[in-house]
Amino acid sequence: MALLTMLEIDGIEPERSTPNPANVLEGTPVFRTWSVEERPDGLAAGLWEATPGKWRFVSDCWEYCRIRSGLSIITEDGGTARRVGPGDAVILQEGFTGTWEVVETTLKDYVVKT
């Protein structure tokens, strides 16, 4: 077993999904997720892409992500709206509650721990 994995999606079929319709505030966002690594201890890594739209969400895990392309606005309830674009890195703590607005189709790397 190799102990080095590149965060690449060639040959990986993405999982397609959408946010819960009850949480969508604008648009018709569509997600594609390429799961590169999933471990039994709840650690996972991959890439996630979303098309324009805005939705409410509650994070059920700890997440680190880095935006590869696109533009999004993440707003924590009661907090400041944060614009994130290529090269920006974000940590979302478990229990984060707020909105994610994709202004331009956004692609991010992610590492999550459930």
Protein backbone atom coordinates (compact mmCIF):
# COMPACT_ATOMS: atom_id res chain seq x y z
CA MET A 1 0.00 0.00 0.00
CA ALA A 2 1.36 3.40 -0.99
CA LEU A 3 1.77 5.90 1.82
CA LEU A 4 1.68 8.90 -0.53
CA THR A 5 -1.57 9.91 -2.21
CA MET A 6 -1.86 12.82 -4.61
CA LEU A 7 -5.00 14.92 -4.30
CA GLU A 8 -6.02 14.26 -7.90
CA ILE A 9 -9.38 13.27 -9.30
CA ASP A 10 -8.44 11.55 -12.57
CA GLY A 11 -10.34 8.28 -12.76
CA ILE A 12 -12.62 9.07 -9.79
CA GLU A 13 -16.33 9.33 -10.56
CA PRO A 14 -17.82 12.28 -8.65
CA GLU A 15 -20.81 11.89 -6.36
CA ARG A 16 -23.52 14.35 -7.44
CA SER A 17 -25.84 15.91 -4.89
CA THR A 18 -27.75 19.05 -3.97
CA PRO A 19 -28.46 20.78 -0.68
CA ASN A 20 -31.72 19.97 1.06
CA PRO A 21 -34.32 22.00 -0.91
CA ALA A 22 -35.68 23.42 2.37
CA ASN A 23 -32.26 25.03 2.98
CA VAL A 24 -31.83 26.63 -0.46
CA LEU A 25 -32.19 30.41 -0.34
CA GLU A 26 -31.23 31.27 -3.96
CA GLY A 27 -30.58 29.44 -7.22
CA THR A 28 -30.34 25.71 -7.85
CA PRO A 29 -26.87 24.73 -6.62
CA VAL A 30 -25.47 21.35 -7.64
CA PHE A 31 -22.53 19.66 -5.92
CA ARG A 32 -19.92 17.25 -7.22
CA THR A 33 -17.66 15.51 -4.70
CA TRP A 34 -14.57 13.49 -5.55
CA SER A 35 -13.64 11.39 -2.52
CA VAL A 36 -9.89 10.71 -2.72
CA GLU A 37 -9.35 9.25 0.77
CA GLU A 38 -11.77 7.95 3.39
CA ARG A 39 -10.45 6.38 6.57
CA PRO A 40 -12.29 4.30 9.17
CA ASP A 41 -11.42 6.87 11.87
CA GLY A 42 -13.63 9.51 10.17
CA LEU A 43 -10.85 11.38 8.37
CA ALA A 44 -11.59 12.10 4.69
CA ALA A 45 -10.10 14.20 1.90
CA GLY A 46 -11.06 15.10 -1.63
CA LEU A 47 -12.41 17.82 -3.85
CA TRP A 48 -15.84 19.45 -3.86
CA GLU A 49 -17.43 21.68 -6.47
CA ALA A 50 -20.63 23.72 -6.28
CA THR A 51 -22.51 25.73 -8.89
CA PRO A 52 -24.03 29.15 -8.10
CA GLY A 53 -26.67 29.41 -5.41
CA LYS A 54 -27.04 30.09 -1.70
CA TRP A 55 -28.09 27.72 1.09
CA ARG A 56 -28.14 27.39 4.86
CA PHE A 57 -26.05 24.69 6.47
CA VAL A 58 -24.83 23.36 9.79
CA SER A 59 -21.42 21.70 9.75
CA ASP A 60 -21.52 18.28 11.38
CA CYS A 61 -17.73 17.86 11.26
CA TRP A 62 -14.44 19.76 11.50
CA GLU A 63 -13.26 20.85 8.03
CA TYR A 64 -10.22 22.47 6.48
CA CYS A 65 -10.64 23.61 2.89
CA ARG A 66 -8.66 25.59 0.31
CA ILE A 67 -10.40 27.23 -2.61
CA ARG A 68 -8.91 26.22 -5.97
CA SER A 69 -11.18 28.28 -8.22
CA GLY A 70 -14.33 30.36 -8.17
CA LEU A 71 -15.81 32.79 -5.67
CA SER A 72 -17.99 32.08 -2.64
CA ILE A 73 -19.28 34.00 0.36
CA ILE A 74 -19.44 32.16 3.69
CA THR A 75 -21.41 33.83 6.49
CA GLU A 76 -21.63 32.52 10.03
CA ASP A 77 -24.91 33.34 11.78
CA GLY A 78 -24.31 36.61 13.61
CA GLY A 79 -20.91 37.02 11.93
CA THR A 80 -19.28 38.81 9.04
CA ALA A 81 -19.66 37.65 5.44
CA ARG A 82 -16.30 36.29 4.21
CA ARG A 83 -15.48 36.27 0.49
CA VAL A 84 -13.27 33.33 -0.42
CA GLY A 85 -11.51 32.75 -3.71
CA PRO A 86 -8.50 30.95 -5.20
CA GLY A 87 -5.80 30.30 -2.59
CA ASP A 88 -7.96 31.17 0.43
CA ALA A 89 -7.98 28.56 3.21
CA VAL A 90 -10.79 28.14 5.74
CA ILE A 91 -11.41 26.05 8.85
CA LEU A 92 -15.04 25.35 9.70
CA GLN A 93 -15.55 24.07 13.22
CA GLU A 94 -18.10 21.35 13.96
CA GLY A 95 -21.39 23.11 14.72
CA PHE A 96 -20.79 26.07 12.38
CA THR A 97 -24.19 27.45 11.36
CA GLY A 98 -24.67 29.91 8.54
CA THR A 99 -24.87 30.26 4.77
CA TRP A 100 -22.67 29.38 1.81
CA GLU A 101 -23.23 31.44 -1.33
CA VAL A 102 -21.50 30.39 -4.54
CA VAL A 103 -21.14 33.46 -6.76
CA GLU A 104 -18.94 31.70 -9.34
CA THR A 105 -18.71 27.90 -9.55
CA THR A 106 -16.33 27.01 -6.73
CA LEU A 107 -13.89 24.11 -6.48
CA LYS A 108 -12.18 23.37 -3.17
CA ASP A 109 -9.85 20.79 -1.63
CA TYR A 110 -11.14 19.53 1.70
CA VAL A 111 -10.05 17.52 4.69
CA VAL A 112 -12.80 16.61 7.16
CA LYS A 113 -12.88 14.82 10.49
CA THR A 114 -16.20 13.46 11.70
